[in-house]
Amino acid sequence: SLAGIQTGDTLAALDAAAKEPAWQRAFASAGNRVTIAGKGNTGWIALFAAALDDRIHAVSAEESLLSYMDIVRSPRHYYTTDLILPG
């Protein structure tokens, strides 16, 4: 799914940053824990990434849906098909 691909990309970016010397110092000073932020639908991607990676200890999701129930209860919804996960 698109959400799976985007979550994988987010985790790959975190892995790549963790290998860079400058970022290694920043990660070490933060106890190897980071905060990520997402706006709109990327707020959900940030939450998915945090659920899969223990290095992410906080997420900021701005202008994002609160739950899948928001989609179900809305008479109209836009740009939510990329948030659907199988099962």
N, C-alpha and C. Protein backbone atom coordinates (compact mmCIF):
# COMPACT_ATOMS: atom_id res chain seq x y z
N SER A 1 0.85 -1.18 0.00
CA SER A 1 0.00 0.00 0.00
C SER A 1 0.89 1.25 0.00
N LEU A 2 0.31 2.35 -0.39
CA LEU A 2 1.05 3.61 -0.41
C LEU A 2 1.51 3.98 0.99
N ALA A 3 0.65 3.77 1.98
CA ALA A 3 1.03 4.08 3.36
C ALA A 3 2.22 3.23 3.80
N GLY A 4 2.24 1.98 3.39
CA GLY A 4 3.37 1.10 3.71
C GLY A 4 4.66 1.56 3.06
N ILE A 5 4.57 1.98 1.81
CA ILE A 5 5.75 2.47 1.10
C ILE A 5 6.27 3.74 1.77
N GLN A 6 5.38 4.66 2.08
CA GLN A 6 5.80 5.92 2.70
C GLN A 6 6.38 5.69 4.10
N THR A 7 5.80 4.76 4.84
CA THR A 7 6.33 4.43 6.16
C THR A 7 7.72 3.82 6.03
N GLY A 8 7.88 2.93 5.06
CA GLY A 8 9.20 2.34 4.81
C GLY A 8 10.22 3.40 4.43
N ASP A 9 9.82 4.36 3.62
CA ASP A 9 10.72 5.46 3.25
C ASP A 9 11.11 6.30 4.46
N THR A 10 10.16 6.53 5.35
CA THR A 10 10.44 7.30 6.57
C THR A 10 11.46 6.57 7.43
N LEU A 11 11.28 5.27 7.60
CA LEU A 11 12.21 4.49 8.41
C LEU A 11 13.59 4.40 7.74
N ALA A 12 13.61 4.33 6.40
CA ALA A 12 14.88 4.30 5.68
C ALA A 12 15.62 5.63 5.84
N ALA A 13 14.88 6.73 5.84
CA ALA A 13 15.51 8.04 6.05
C ALA A 13 16.09 8.13 7.46
N LEU A 14 15.39 7.59 8.43
CA LEU A 14 15.90 7.58 9.80
C LEU A 14 17.16 6.72 9.90
N ASP A 15 17.16 5.57 9.24
CA ASP A 15 18.35 4.71 9.21
C ASP A 15 19.53 5.42 8.56
N ALA A 16 19.28 6.10 7.45
CA ALA A 16 20.36 6.81 6.74
C ALA A 16 20.90 7.95 7.60
N ALA A 17 20.02 8.69 8.26
CA ALA A 17 20.48 9.78 9.12
C ALA A 17 21.30 9.25 10.28
N ALA A 18 20.92 8.11 10.82
CA ALA A 18 21.63 7.53 11.97
C ALA A 18 23.05 7.10 11.61
N LYS A 19 23.34 6.94 10.32
CA LYS A 19 24.68 6.53 9.88
C LYS A 19 25.61 7.71 9.63
N GLU A 20 25.06 8.92 9.54
CA GLU A 20 25.87 10.11 9.29
C GLU A 20 26.52 10.58 10.60
N PRO A 21 27.82 10.89 10.56
CA PRO A 21 28.53 11.28 11.79
C PRO A 21 27.88 12.44 12.55
N ALA A 22 27.47 13.48 11.85
CA ALA A 22 26.85 14.62 12.54
C ALA A 22 25.55 14.21 13.23
N TRP A 23 24.77 13.37 12.54
CA TRP A 23 23.52 12.92 13.13
C TRP A 23 23.76 11.92 14.25
N GLN A 24 24.82 11.13 14.15
CA GLN A 24 25.14 10.18 15.22
C GLN A 24 25.35 10.91 16.54
N ARG A 25 26.05 12.04 16.49
CA ARG A 25 26.25 12.84 17.71
C ARG A 25 24.91 13.36 18.24
N ALA A 26 24.06 13.82 17.33
CA ALA A 26 22.75 14.33 17.75
C ALA A 26 21.90 13.22 18.35
N PHE A 27 21.91 12.04 17.71
CA PHE A 27 21.16 10.91 18.25
C PHE A 27 21.70 10.51 19.61
N ALA A 28 23.01 10.46 19.75
CA ALA A 28 23.63 10.05 21.02
C ALA A 28 23.26 11.02 22.13
N SER A 29 23.26 12.31 21.83
CA SER A 29 22.93 13.30 22.86
C SER A 29 21.46 13.23 23.27
N ALA A 30 20.62 12.67 22.39
CA ALA A 30 19.19 12.52 22.70
C ALA A 30 18.86 11.11 23.16
N GLY A 31 19.88 10.34 23.51
CA GLY A 31 19.63 8.97 23.95
C GLY A 31 19.16 8.06 22.83
N ASN A 32 19.57 8.37 21.60
CA ASN A 32 19.19 7.61 20.41
C ASN A 32 17.67 7.56 20.20
N ARG A 33 16.99 8.60 20.64
CA ARG A 33 15.54 8.70 20.46
C ARG A 33 15.23 10.00 19.75
N VAL A 34 14.29 9.96 18.83
CA VAL A 34 13.97 11.14 18.04
C VAL A 34 12.48 11.43 18.07
N THR A 35 12.15 12.63 17.67
CA THR A 35 10.77 13.06 17.48
C THR A 35 10.58 13.31 16.00
N ILE A 36 9.49 12.84 15.44
CA ILE A 36 9.20 13.13 14.04
C ILE A 36 7.86 13.85 13.94
N ALA A 37 7.68 14.57 12.85
CA ALA A 37 6.46 15.35 12.65
C ALA A 37 5.89 15.06 11.27
N GLY A 38 4.59 15.10 11.19
CA GLY A 38 3.91 14.95 9.91
C GLY A 38 2.73 15.90 9.86
N LYS A 39 2.43 16.38 8.68
CA LYS A 39 1.30 17.30 8.52
C LYS A 39 0.33 16.71 7.52
N GLY A 40 -0.95 16.80 7.81
CA GLY A 40 -1.95 16.21 6.93
C GLY A 40 -1.85 14.69 6.98
N ASN A 41 -1.91 14.05 5.83
CA ASN A 41 -1.84 12.60 5.79
C ASN A 41 -0.49 12.06 6.23
N THR A 42 0.57 12.88 6.17
CA THR A 42 1.86 12.39 6.63
C THR A 42 1.91 12.29 8.16
N GLY A 43 0.93 12.86 8.84
CA GLY A 43 0.81 12.66 10.28
C GLY A 43 0.59 11.19 10.59
N TRP A 44 -0.23 10.53 9.78
CA TRP A 44 -0.46 9.10 9.96
C TRP A 44 0.79 8.30 9.66
N ILE A 45 1.54 8.71 8.64
CA ILE A 45 2.77 8.01 8.29
C ILE A 45 3.75 8.10 9.46
N ALA A 46 3.83 9.26 10.09
CA ALA A 46 4.69 9.42 11.25
C ALA A 46 4.25 8.49 12.39
N LEU A 47 2.95 8.36 12.58
CA LEU A 47 2.44 7.46 13.63
C LEU A 47 2.75 5.99 13.30
N PHE A 48 2.58 5.62 12.04
CA PHE A 48 2.90 4.25 11.64
C PHE A 48 4.38 3.96 11.87
N ALA A 49 5.24 4.91 11.50
CA ALA A 49 6.69 4.73 11.68
C ALA A 49 7.03 4.58 13.17
N ALA A 50 6.39 5.39 14.00
CA ALA A 50 6.65 5.32 15.45
C ALA A 50 6.21 3.98 16.03
N ALA A 51 5.16 3.42 15.47
CA ALA A 51 4.69 2.12 15.95
C ALA A 51 5.68 1.01 15.61
N LEU A 52 6.49 1.23 14.58
CA LEU A 52 7.41 0.20 14.11
C LEU A 52 8.85 0.39 14.57
N ASP A 53 9.21 1.56 15.07
CA ASP A 53 10.61 1.85 15.39
C ASP A 53 10.71 2.46 16.79
N ASP A 54 11.43 1.78 17.67
CA ASP A 54 11.57 2.24 19.06
C ASP A 54 12.41 3.50 19.21
N ARG A 55 13.15 3.87 18.18
CA ARG A 55 13.94 5.10 18.26
C ARG A 55 13.05 6.33 18.25
N ILE A 56 11.85 6.21 17.71
CA ILE A 56 10.92 7.34 17.66
C ILE A 56 10.13 7.36 18.95
N HIS A 57 10.35 8.39 19.76
CA HIS A 57 9.68 8.42 21.06
C HIS A 57 8.55 9.44 21.11
N ALA A 58 8.45 10.30 20.10
CA ALA A 58 7.35 11.27 20.08
C ALA A 58 7.00 11.59 18.63
N VAL A 59 5.71 11.89 18.41
CA VAL A 59 5.22 12.22 17.08
C VAL A 59 4.35 13.46 17.19
N SER A 60 4.52 14.35 16.24
CA SER A 60 3.64 15.50 16.10
C SER A 60 2.86 15.30 14.80
N ALA A 61 1.55 15.23 14.90
CA ALA A 61 0.70 15.03 13.72
C ALA A 61 -0.22 16.24 13.60
N GLU A 62 0.14 17.16 12.73
CA GLU A 62 -0.59 18.42 12.58
C GLU A 62 -1.59 18.32 11.43
N GLU A 63 -2.80 18.82 11.65
CA GLU A 63 -3.86 18.82 10.64
C GLU A 63 -4.10 17.43 10.06
N SER A 64 -4.07 16.44 10.93
CA SER A 64 -4.24 15.05 10.54
C SER A 64 -5.55 14.52 11.10
N LEU A 65 -6.06 13.46 10.50
CA LEU A 65 -7.25 12.81 11.05
C LEU A 65 -6.94 12.25 12.43
N LEU A 66 -7.95 12.20 13.28
CA LEU A 66 -7.75 11.65 14.62
C LEU A 66 -7.88 10.14 14.65
N SER A 67 -8.72 9.60 13.76
CA SER A 67 -8.92 8.16 13.73
C SER A 67 -9.55 7.77 12.39
N TYR A 68 -9.55 6.47 12.12
CA TYR A 68 -10.23 5.98 10.93
C TYR A 68 -11.73 6.22 11.04
N MET A 69 -12.25 6.31 12.24
CA MET A 69 -13.67 6.57 12.43
C MET A 69 -14.06 7.94 11.86
N ASP A 70 -13.14 8.89 11.86
CA ASP A 70 -13.41 10.19 11.25
C ASP A 70 -13.73 10.04 9.76
N ILE A 71 -13.06 9.11 9.12
CA ILE A 71 -13.31 8.86 7.69
C ILE A 71 -14.69 8.23 7.51
N VAL A 72 -15.02 7.26 8.34
CA VAL A 72 -16.27 6.52 8.23
C VAL A 72 -17.47 7.43 8.50
N ARG A 73 -17.35 8.29 9.47
CA ARG A 73 -18.48 9.15 9.86
C ARG A 73 -18.70 10.34 8.94
N SER A 74 -17.72 10.69 8.16
CA SER A 74 -17.82 11.86 7.30
C SER A 74 -18.63 11.54 6.04
N PRO A 75 -19.58 12.41 5.66
CA PRO A 75 -20.33 12.16 4.43
C PRO A 75 -19.44 12.28 3.19
N ARG A 76 -18.38 13.08 3.29
CA ARG A 76 -17.41 13.23 2.20
C ARG A 76 -16.02 13.17 2.80
N HIS A 77 -15.16 12.51 2.11
CA HIS A 77 -13.78 12.48 2.56
C HIS A 77 -12.87 12.56 1.35
N TYR A 78 -11.78 13.25 1.52
CA TYR A 78 -10.87 13.49 0.42
C TYR A 78 -9.46 13.05 0.82
N TYR A 79 -8.73 12.53 -0.13
CA TYR A 79 -7.33 12.22 0.04
C TYR A 79 -7.08 11.23 1.17
N THR A 80 -7.96 10.29 1.36
CA THR A 80 -7.77 9.30 2.43
C THR A 80 -7.45 7.91 1.91
N THR A 81 -7.57 7.69 0.61
CA THR A 81 -7.33 6.35 0.08
C THR A 81 -5.89 5.91 0.28
N ASP A 82 -4.96 6.84 0.38
CA ASP A 82 -3.57 6.45 0.59
C ASP A 82 -3.27 6.08 2.04
N LEU A 83 -4.25 6.20 2.93
CA LEU A 83 -4.08 5.83 4.33
C LEU A 83 -4.64 4.45 4.66
N ILE A 84 -5.28 3.83 3.70
CA ILE A 84 -5.92 2.53 3.93
C ILE A 84 -4.86 1.43 3.96
N LEU A 85 -4.93 0.60 4.99
CA LEU A 85 -4.02 -0.53 5.14
C LEU A 85 -4.81 -1.83 4.99
N PRO A 86 -4.23 -2.82 4.34
CA PRO A 86 -4.93 -4.10 4.20
C PRO A 86 -5.25 -4.71 5.57
N GLY A 87 -6.42 -5.28 5.69
CA GLY A 87 -6.82 -5.93 6.94
C GLY A 87 -7.38 -4.98 7.94
